[in-house]
Amino acid sequence: MSKVGFVTMGQSEGGDDIPTIGIGMLGYGFMGKAHSNGYKTLAYMTWPPPLMPQLVSIAGRNEEAVAGAARRYGFSDHVTDWKQIIADDRVGVFDNSGPNNFHSEPTIAAAEAGKHVICEKPLGRSADESYETWKRVDATGVKAMVAFNYRFVPAVRLARMIIESGELGEIFHFRGSYLQEWIIDADFPMVWRLDKDVAGSGALGDLGAHVIDLARYLVGEISAVSAHTRTFVKNREGQAVTVDDAVESVVDFENGAVGTIEATRFASGRKNGLTFEINGSKGSISFDIERLNELQVHFRDSKPGDLAQGFRTVLVSEADHPFWQYWWPQGHMIGWEHTFVHEIHHFLSAIREDTEIGPHGATFEDGYRAAEICDAMLRSADNGAREQLQYRS
C-alpha cells in the first residue's frame, strides 16, 4: 500500500489504528460537492472506515469561488492551479471532479506522482484520450477508478447479484435510458457541456455513458452499435452548439443479447430519469433511479392461477442487501448522495487492502471501453452504418 498522504489517527472500535489519507480535489461544482459530502459522511457512517479521509486541498480557477468551496466542504487549503495539489506531499488521493477537458492531463500527472486517482466520467473526451489515460495511469501501479456511481446503488448491485445467480436465465434484452430536460429552453445559456472541445460529446457522454456502463456491468460487453444523434438548438448566445442534444442507439452484446440505449437533455418533465429493464428466459428486472430504493422483479415460475403474477416491488433496504450494513433499519431509505459514500468506501478499501477496483468498481479500462462505445455511436450517427466495436488492449 502506498504511504503517500498517510498518517496515524485515532483508533477503530476494535482498537486498531485507522490511518488517514489526504484528499486533493480538482473541481468544486456539482460533482465536487457530491464527492466532498461522500468523504465526510463515510468518515462517521461506515465506522470504522477503511481509511480516514482528510480533506487537504481543493483546486479551481476562480479564487473567490474555490475559497468559498473550501470553507463549505471542509478543505484545509485551496489553490487555483491543480499542479499545486499534485506537488502536495500531504495528498494521497487525487479526486478529479473537474470539467471533461481536465480529466486526462491532471489524472495522469497525479498517478505519475504516485497518488491514487478517482476520476469522474467520462475518462476522456474521446476513446483515444481515454486509452492514453488508462495506459499511462495503469503503468504507475496506483489504484485508479472511474466514478460511475450508479454501480453503487443497492438496487443495481442486487440486480447484478440476481443476474449472476442465473435466476433470470439467458439474457435477451437490455433497454436503458437517461432522460433530462435541463437545456430544453432555447434561451438556456451556452455552457461548457455544449462545447465539443471541452466536453467531447453532449447527452451521449454526459448521460448515455452511465447507461453504457450499466449495460456492460449488468449484461456484458457491447459488440456493435447503430445510432442516431440530434442537436435541436444549434446556437446559444451567438455560439454554435457542437455536441449532441440526444442519442438513440441499438446495441448488440457479445453474449447474444440485444439492447437499446437512449439519452437526451430535451425530455420535458424528466429531471433525472435513469431507467433500465433486463429481460431473460426466466424473468425480468426493472429499475428507476427516481425510486432508488426499489427493484421491480418478475420470475416466470409463477403457478397457474396465481392472483399476484407480473412484476413485484422489492424494497432494497434489508440488512443483508448490498451496502445496508452502513445505514438504517429496514424501510428507512437512503438517497442518491449515498452512492458516492459506497463508491469512495470501495476505492479506499482497495487502497488499504491492495485489492482490485473491478469488477464492481469501474476501472480505467472500463472508462476507456465506455468511451470507445460512445465514439462508435458518434461514427454510426455520422455515417449511417452499423459500427463493430474494436477494443484495444
Protein backbone atom coordinates (compact mmCIF):
# COMPACT_ATOMS: atom_id res chain seq x y z
CA MET A 1 0.00 0.00 0.00
CA SER A 2 1.33 3.42 -0.93
CA LYS A 3 2.23 5.51 2.12
CA VAL A 4 1.85 8.85 0.36
CA GLY A 5 -0.54 11.03 2.34
CA PHE A 6 -0.87 8.62 5.30
CA VAL A 7 -0.66 9.44 8.98
CA THR A 8 -1.95 7.62 12.07
CA MET A 9 -5.10 8.93 13.64
CA GLY A 10 -7.35 7.57 16.38
CA GLN A 11 -8.49 4.02 16.92
CA SER A 12 -11.29 1.91 15.49
CA GLU A 13 -13.90 0.25 17.69
CA GLY A 14 -11.71 -2.84 17.72
CA GLY A 15 -8.75 -0.83 18.99
CA ASP A 16 -6.82 -0.74 15.70
CA ASP A 17 -5.30 2.44 14.39
CA ILE A 18 -7.14 3.98 11.43
CA PRO A 19 -4.64 5.52 9.02
CA THR A 20 -5.71 8.71 7.30
CA ILE A 21 -5.26 9.58 3.66
CA GLY A 22 -5.06 13.11 2.33
CA ILE A 23 -7.59 14.08 -0.35
CA GLY A 24 -6.79 16.64 -3.04
CA MET A 25 -9.69 17.56 -5.30
CA LEU A 26 -9.95 19.31 -8.65
CA GLY A 27 -13.33 20.95 -9.18
CA TYR A 28 -15.77 22.46 -6.71
CA GLY A 29 -19.08 22.34 -8.61
CA PHE A 30 -21.82 19.72 -8.64
CA MET A 31 -19.52 16.69 -8.50
CA GLY A 32 -17.07 18.38 -6.15
CA LYS A 33 -19.90 18.89 -3.69
CA ALA A 34 -21.14 15.29 -4.13
CA HIS A 35 -17.67 13.78 -3.61
CA SER A 36 -16.88 16.03 -0.64
CA ASN A 37 -20.13 15.02 1.03
CA GLY A 38 -19.21 11.39 0.37
CA TYR A 39 -15.87 11.68 2.13
CA LYS A 40 -17.35 13.42 5.15
CA THR A 41 -20.29 11.05 5.50
CA LEU A 42 -18.11 7.96 5.05
CA ALA A 43 -15.87 9.08 7.91
CA TYR A 44 -18.59 8.53 10.51
CA MET A 45 -21.25 6.30 8.89
CA THR A 46 -19.05 3.40 7.75
CA TRP A 47 -17.24 3.16 11.07
CA PRO A 48 -14.51 2.14 11.17
CA PRO A 49 -13.75 3.42 7.67
CA PRO A 50 -11.05 1.64 5.67
CA LEU A 51 -9.07 4.89 5.73
CA MET A 52 -9.94 8.20 7.33
CA PRO A 53 -10.19 10.80 4.54
CA GLN A 54 -8.57 14.12 5.35
CA LEU A 55 -9.71 16.95 3.06
CA VAL A 56 -6.40 18.67 2.34
CA SER A 57 -6.78 20.93 -0.67
CA ILE A 58 -9.22 21.80 -3.45
CA ALA A 59 -8.39 23.42 -6.78
CA GLY A 60 -10.40 25.68 -9.07
CA ARG A 61 -9.64 28.54 -11.43
CA ASN A 62 -11.76 31.16 -9.65
CA GLU A 63 -10.05 32.26 -6.42
CA GLU A 64 -13.17 33.56 -4.71
CA ALA A 65 -15.31 30.58 -5.69
CA VAL A 66 -12.79 27.91 -4.76
CA ALA A 67 -12.04 29.62 -1.45
CA GLY A 68 -15.75 29.53 -0.65
CA ALA A 69 -15.94 25.88 -1.65
CA ALA A 70 -13.01 25.03 0.62
CA ARG A 71 -14.81 26.64 3.55
CA ARG A 72 -18.13 24.92 2.81
CA TYR A 73 -16.75 21.47 2.11
CA GLY A 74 -14.12 21.47 4.85
CA PHE A 75 -10.83 21.51 2.91
CA SER A 76 -7.86 22.89 4.81
CA ASP A 77 -6.46 24.74 1.78
CA HIS A 78 -7.43 25.86 -1.70
CA VAL A 79 -5.38 26.60 -4.83
CA THR A 80 -6.06 27.96 -8.33
CA ASP A 81 -3.56 25.67 -10.05
CA TRP A 82 -4.18 21.92 -9.92
CA LYS A 83 -0.44 21.29 -10.26
CA GLN A 84 -0.05 22.50 -6.67
CA ILE A 85 -2.18 19.59 -5.49
CA ILE A 86 -0.01 17.17 -7.45
CA ALA A 87 3.06 18.59 -5.70
CA ASP A 88 1.48 18.47 -2.22
CA ASP A 89 3.02 15.64 -0.20
CA ARG A 90 0.02 15.61 2.14
CA VAL A 91 -2.21 14.35 -0.70
CA GLY A 92 -2.50 10.60 -1.23
CA VAL A 93 -5.66 10.61 -3.38
CA PHE A 94 -6.29 12.91 -6.31
CA ASP A 95 -10.05 13.24 -6.85
CA ASN A 96 -10.72 14.65 -10.30
CA SER A 97 -14.19 16.21 -10.37
CA GLY A 98 -13.32 18.90 -12.89
CA PRO A 99 -14.70 19.55 -16.40
CA ASN A 100 -14.13 16.88 -19.03
CA ASN A 101 -11.17 18.64 -20.68
CA PHE A 102 -9.34 18.44 -17.33
CA HIS A 103 -9.89 14.72 -16.81
CA SER A 104 -6.87 13.34 -18.65
CA GLU A 105 -3.79 15.51 -18.05
CA PRO A 106 -4.21 16.12 -14.28
CA THR A 107 -5.17 12.48 -13.65
CA ILE A 108 -2.09 11.20 -15.47
CA ALA A 109 0.13 13.72 -13.66
CA ALA A 110 -1.26 12.70 -10.27
CA ALA A 111 -0.75 8.99 -10.93
CA GLU A 112 2.78 9.55 -12.19
CA ALA A 113 3.45 11.45 -8.94
CA GLY A 114 2.40 8.32 -7.01
CA LYS A 115 -1.08 9.40 -5.97
CA HIS A 116 -4.12 7.16 -6.22
CA VAL A 117 -6.74 8.61 -8.55
CA ILE A 118 -10.51 8.67 -8.83
CA CYS A 119 -11.78 10.43 -11.94
CA GLU A 120 -15.29 11.48 -12.85
CA LYS A 121 -16.69 10.11 -16.08
CA PRO A 122 -16.03 10.33 -18.94
CA LEU A 123 -12.43 9.26 -18.54
CA GLY A 124 -11.57 11.29 -21.64
CA ARG A 125 -13.27 13.33 -24.34
CA SER A 126 -12.63 10.56 -26.85
CA ALA A 127 -11.60 6.92 -26.96
CA ASP A 128 -8.04 7.95 -27.88
CA GLU A 129 -7.74 10.29 -24.90
CA SER A 130 -9.32 7.71 -22.60
CA TYR A 131 -7.00 4.98 -23.84
CA GLU A 132 -3.89 7.09 -23.23
CA THR A 133 -5.14 7.97 -19.75
CA TRP A 134 -5.81 4.32 -18.91
CA LYS A 135 -2.47 3.03 -20.15
CA ARG A 136 -0.32 5.74 -18.61
CA VAL A 137 -2.07 5.54 -15.25
CA ASP A 138 -2.03 1.74 -15.32
CA ALA A 139 1.74 1.78 -15.81
CA THR A 140 2.20 3.60 -12.48
CA GLY A 141 0.62 0.87 -10.34
CA VAL A 142 -1.58 3.24 -8.32
CA LYS A 143 -5.22 2.46 -7.60
CA ALA A 144 -7.44 4.12 -10.20
CA MET A 145 -11.24 4.21 -10.50
CA VAL A 146 -13.73 5.94 -12.78
CA ALA A 147 -16.62 7.41 -10.81
CA PHE A 148 -19.56 5.59 -12.35
CA ASN A 149 -21.52 5.98 -9.13
CA TYR A 150 -24.67 4.14 -10.26
CA ARG A 151 -22.81 0.84 -9.87
CA PHE A 152 -23.09 1.59 -6.15
CA VAL A 153 -26.88 1.90 -5.91
CA PRO A 154 -28.00 -1.01 -3.66
CA ALA A 155 -30.78 -1.98 -6.10
CA VAL A 156 -28.35 -2.01 -9.05
CA ARG A 157 -25.92 -4.22 -7.11
CA LEU A 158 -28.82 -6.53 -6.19
CA ALA A 159 -29.76 -6.67 -9.88
CA ARG A 160 -26.23 -7.81 -10.71
CA MET A 161 -26.42 -10.48 -7.99
CA ILE A 162 -29.72 -11.78 -9.39
CA ILE A 163 -28.27 -11.97 -12.91
CA GLU A 164 -25.08 -13.68 -11.70
CA SER A 165 -27.15 -16.24 -9.77
CA GLY A 166 -28.77 -17.37 -13.02
CA GLU A 167 -32.28 -16.55 -11.79
CA LEU A 168 -33.04 -14.57 -14.96
CA GLY A 169 -31.69 -17.32 -17.19
CA GLU A 170 -30.38 -16.37 -20.62
CA ILE A 171 -30.43 -12.60 -21.08
CA PHE A 172 -32.36 -11.46 -24.17
CA HIS A 173 -32.89 -7.71 -23.82
CA PHE A 174 -31.44 -4.61 -22.20
CA ARG A 175 -33.32 -1.32 -22.51
CA GLY A 176 -31.81 1.70 -20.83
CA SER A 177 -32.46 5.42 -20.96
CA TYR A 178 -31.31 8.56 -19.23
CA LEU A 179 -33.69 11.46 -19.71
CA GLN A 180 -33.31 15.05 -18.50
CA GLU A 181 -34.82 18.39 -19.52
CA TRP A 182 -32.33 20.93 -18.26
CA ILE A 183 -31.37 22.58 -21.58
CA ILE A 184 -34.71 22.27 -23.38
CA ASP A 185 -35.22 26.06 -23.15
CA ALA A 186 -33.70 27.60 -26.29
CA ASP A 187 -32.66 30.60 -24.15
CA PHE A 188 -30.58 28.44 -21.82
CA PRO A 189 -27.03 29.88 -21.88
CA MET A 190 -24.04 28.41 -23.64
CA VAL A 191 -22.10 26.31 -21.10
CA TRP A 192 -19.02 24.13 -21.38
CA ARG A 193 -21.07 20.94 -21.68
CA LEU A 194 -22.28 22.19 -25.09
CA ASP A 195 -18.76 22.67 -26.48
CA LYS A 196 -17.17 19.58 -28.04
CA ASP A 197 -13.63 20.80 -27.38
CA VAL A 198 -14.36 20.82 -23.65
CA ALA A 199 -16.99 18.11 -23.22
CA GLY A 200 -16.19 15.65 -26.01
CA SER A 201 -19.87 14.90 -26.65
CA GLY A 202 -23.21 16.03 -25.31
CA ALA A 203 -26.04 13.93 -23.91
CA LEU A 204 -24.12 10.86 -25.04
CA GLY A 205 -21.03 11.39 -22.88
CA ASP A 206 -22.87 13.15 -20.07
CA LEU A 207 -25.83 10.79 -19.65
CA GLY A 208 -25.53 7.97 -22.17
CA ALA A 209 -22.16 6.95 -20.74
CA HIS A 210 -23.90 5.99 -17.49
CA VAL A 211 -26.34 3.76 -19.38
CA ILE A 212 -23.49 2.23 -21.39
CA ASP A 213 -21.58 1.47 -18.20
CA LEU A 214 -24.62 -0.13 -16.56
CA ALA A 215 -25.28 -2.20 -19.69
CA ARG A 216 -21.70 -3.51 -19.61
CA TYR A 217 -21.77 -4.03 -15.82
CA LEU A 218 -25.06 -5.93 -15.80
CA VAL A 219 -25.30 -7.69 -19.18
CA GLY A 220 -21.81 -7.83 -20.68
CA GLU A 221 -19.60 -6.40 -23.39
CA ILE A 222 -21.14 -4.50 -26.28
CA SER A 223 -20.00 -5.71 -29.70
CA ALA A 224 -21.79 -3.43 -32.19
CA VAL A 225 -23.88 -0.27 -32.27
CA SER A 226 -26.18 1.66 -34.59
CA ALA A 227 -27.02 5.20 -33.54
CA HIS A 228 -28.70 8.49 -34.39
CA THR A 229 -27.88 11.80 -32.73
CA ARG A 230 -29.63 15.16 -32.94
CA THR A 231 -28.84 18.72 -31.93
CA PHE A 232 -32.14 20.55 -31.53
CA VAL A 233 -30.83 24.00 -30.58
CA LYS A 234 -27.82 24.70 -32.76
CA ASN A 235 -26.83 28.13 -31.41
CA ARG A 236 -26.87 29.64 -27.95
CA GLU A 237 -25.82 33.19 -27.11
CA GLY A 238 -24.37 33.55 -30.59
CA GLN A 239 -22.18 30.45 -30.28
CA ALA A 240 -22.51 27.16 -32.14
CA VAL A 241 -23.55 24.14 -30.09
CA THR A 242 -21.10 21.46 -31.22
CA VAL A 243 -22.40 18.41 -29.35
CA ASP A 244 -25.47 16.20 -29.47
CA ASP A 245 -28.63 17.03 -27.52
CA ALA A 246 -29.93 13.47 -27.84
CA VAL A 247 -28.82 10.00 -28.90
CA GLU A 248 -30.82 6.88 -29.79
CA SER A 249 -28.93 3.61 -30.27
CA VAL A 250 -29.45 -0.11 -30.86
CA VAL A 251 -26.68 -2.30 -29.48
CA ASP A 252 -25.57 -5.91 -29.74
CA PHE A 253 -23.93 -7.73 -26.85
CA GLU A 254 -21.22 -10.36 -27.22
CA ASN A 255 -23.42 -12.88 -25.36
CA GLY A 256 -26.21 -12.59 -27.95
CA ALA A 257 -28.47 -10.14 -26.11
CA VAL A 258 -29.78 -7.05 -27.88
CA GLY A 259 -30.47 -3.64 -26.42
CA THR A 260 -31.41 -0.01 -26.79
CA ILE A 261 -29.66 2.96 -25.22
CA GLU A 262 -31.22 6.42 -25.20
CA ALA A 263 -30.08 9.71 -23.70
CA THR A 264 -31.45 13.22 -24.02
CA ARG A 265 -31.43 16.57 -22.29
CA PHE A 266 -34.68 17.52 -24.06
CA ALA A 267 -37.24 15.31 -22.27
CA SER A 268 -39.73 17.76 -20.81
CA GLY A 269 -40.72 16.83 -17.27
CA ARG A 270 -37.77 14.48 -16.72
CA LYS A 271 -35.39 15.76 -14.09
CA ASN A 272 -33.06 12.77 -13.66
CA GLY A 273 -34.83 9.88 -15.36
CA LEU A 274 -32.38 6.96 -15.43
CA THR A 275 -34.15 3.64 -16.03
CA PHE A 276 -33.34 0.17 -17.32
CA GLU A 277 -35.12 -3.13 -17.88
CA ILE A 278 -33.48 -6.50 -18.46
CA ASN A 279 -35.43 -9.47 -19.81
CA GLY A 280 -34.23 -13.06 -19.56
CA SER A 281 -35.58 -16.52 -20.26
CA LYS A 282 -36.63 -16.98 -16.62
CA GLY A 283 -37.66 -13.48 -15.65
CA SER A 284 -37.12 -9.74 -15.79
CA ILE A 285 -35.88 -6.87 -13.63
CA SER A 286 -36.58 -3.16 -13.92
CA PHE A 287 -35.10 -0.11 -12.17
CA ASP A 288 -35.89 3.62 -11.97
CA ILE A 289 -33.41 5.95 -10.25
CA GLU A 290 -36.29 8.17 -9.10
CA ARG A 291 -37.37 5.15 -7.00
CA LEU A 292 -33.79 4.43 -6.00
CA ASN A 293 -34.57 2.01 -3.15
CA GLU A 294 -36.79 -0.26 -5.26
CA LEU A 295 -36.17 -3.02 -7.80
CA GLN A 296 -39.01 -4.41 -9.91
CA VAL A 297 -38.66 -8.18 -10.29
CA HIS A 298 -40.64 -10.80 -12.21
CA PHE A 299 -39.96 -14.55 -12.42
CA ARG A 300 -41.73 -16.80 -14.92
CA ASP A 301 -42.21 -19.67 -12.47
CA SER A 302 -45.47 -18.25 -11.11
CA LYS A 303 -48.01 -21.03 -10.71
CA PRO A 304 -51.09 -21.06 -12.99
CA GLY A 305 -53.93 -19.35 -11.20
CA ASP A 306 -51.70 -17.18 -9.01
CA LEU A 307 -53.51 -13.91 -8.41
CA ALA A 308 -50.31 -11.89 -7.93
CA GLN A 309 -48.47 -12.50 -11.17
CA GLY A 310 -46.34 -9.94 -13.02
CA PHE A 311 -43.75 -7.64 -11.51
CA ARG A 312 -43.36 -7.23 -7.77
CA THR A 313 -41.59 -4.44 -5.92
CA VAL A 314 -38.57 -5.42 -3.86
CA LEU A 315 -37.75 -2.76 -1.28
CA VAL A 316 -33.95 -2.89 -1.24
CA SER A 317 -33.36 -1.99 2.38
CA GLU A 318 -32.92 -5.31 4.18
CA ALA A 319 -29.93 -5.78 6.46
CA ASP A 320 -28.43 -8.36 4.07
CA HIS A 321 -28.92 -6.25 0.94
CA PRO A 322 -25.86 -4.60 -0.65
CA PHE A 323 -24.37 -1.71 1.38
CA TRP A 324 -27.09 -1.71 4.02
CA GLN A 325 -24.70 -2.64 6.81
CA TYR A 326 -23.81 1.07 6.91
CA TRP A 327 -27.27 2.54 7.17
CA TRP A 328 -30.63 2.35 8.88
CA PRO A 329 -33.23 -0.25 9.92
CA GLN A 330 -35.34 -1.83 7.16
CA GLY A 331 -37.59 0.66 5.36
CA HIS A 332 -35.60 3.78 6.32
CA MET A 333 -34.49 4.99 2.91
CA ILE A 334 -31.19 6.29 1.60
CA GLY A 335 -30.65 8.75 -1.27
CA TRP A 336 -28.69 9.50 -4.41
CA GLU A 337 -25.85 11.10 -2.44
CA HIS A 338 -25.12 7.86 -0.62
CA THR A 339 -23.95 6.18 -3.81
CA PHE A 340 -20.78 8.28 -3.50
CA VAL A 341 -20.22 7.01 0.05
CA HIS A 342 -20.35 3.42 -1.24
CA GLU A 343 -18.11 4.28 -4.18
CA ILE A 344 -15.46 6.02 -2.06
CA HIS A 345 -15.57 3.24 0.55
CA HIS A 346 -14.84 0.71 -2.21
CA PHE A 347 -11.98 2.84 -3.51
CA LEU A 348 -10.36 3.41 -0.11
CA SER A 349 -10.75 -0.29 0.74
CA ALA A 350 -8.89 -1.20 -2.44
CA ILE A 351 -6.08 1.16 -1.45
CA ARG A 352 -5.79 -0.15 2.10
CA GLU A 353 -6.16 -3.86 1.28
CA ASP A 354 -4.38 -3.69 -2.10
CA THR A 355 -7.36 -5.32 -3.80
CA GLU A 356 -8.69 -4.85 -7.33
CA ILE A 357 -11.01 -2.00 -8.28
CA GLY A 358 -13.03 -4.29 -10.57
CA PRO A 359 -15.36 -5.91 -11.15
CA HIS A 360 -17.68 -3.77 -9.05
CA GLY A 361 -15.76 -0.52 -9.28
CA ALA A 362 -15.24 0.89 -12.77
CA THR A 363 -11.59 0.51 -13.75
CA PHE A 364 -9.83 2.87 -16.14
CA GLU A 365 -10.16 0.12 -18.75
CA ASP A 366 -13.93 0.25 -18.15
CA GLY A 367 -13.76 4.01 -18.66
CA TYR A 368 -11.86 3.53 -21.91
CA ARG A 369 -14.32 0.90 -23.20
CA ALA A 370 -17.29 3.14 -22.45
CA ALA A 371 -15.55 5.91 -24.43
CA GLU A 372 -14.93 3.51 -27.31
CA ILE A 373 -18.65 2.73 -27.43
CA CYS A 374 -19.53 6.44 -27.33
CA ASP A 375 -17.17 7.11 -30.24
CA ALA A 376 -18.66 4.20 -32.20
CA MET A 377 -22.13 5.68 -31.67
CA LEU A 378 -20.95 9.05 -32.96
CA ARG A 379 -19.39 7.39 -36.02
CA SER A 380 -22.57 5.46 -36.70
CA ALA A 381 -24.66 8.61 -36.41
CA ASP A 382 -22.32 10.33 -38.84
CA ASN A 383 -22.05 7.60 -41.48
CA GLY A 384 -25.41 5.86 -41.06
CA ALA A 385 -23.76 2.45 -40.74
CA ARG A 386 -23.63 -0.21 -38.04
CA GLU A 387 -20.30 0.01 -36.20
CA GLN A 388 -18.43 -3.03 -34.89
CA LEU A 389 -16.50 -2.38 -31.69
CA GLN A 390 -12.75 -2.86 -31.80
CA TYR A 391 -11.29 -2.64 -28.30
CA ARG A 392 -7.60 -2.01 -27.74
CA SER A 393 -5.66 -3.85 -25.07
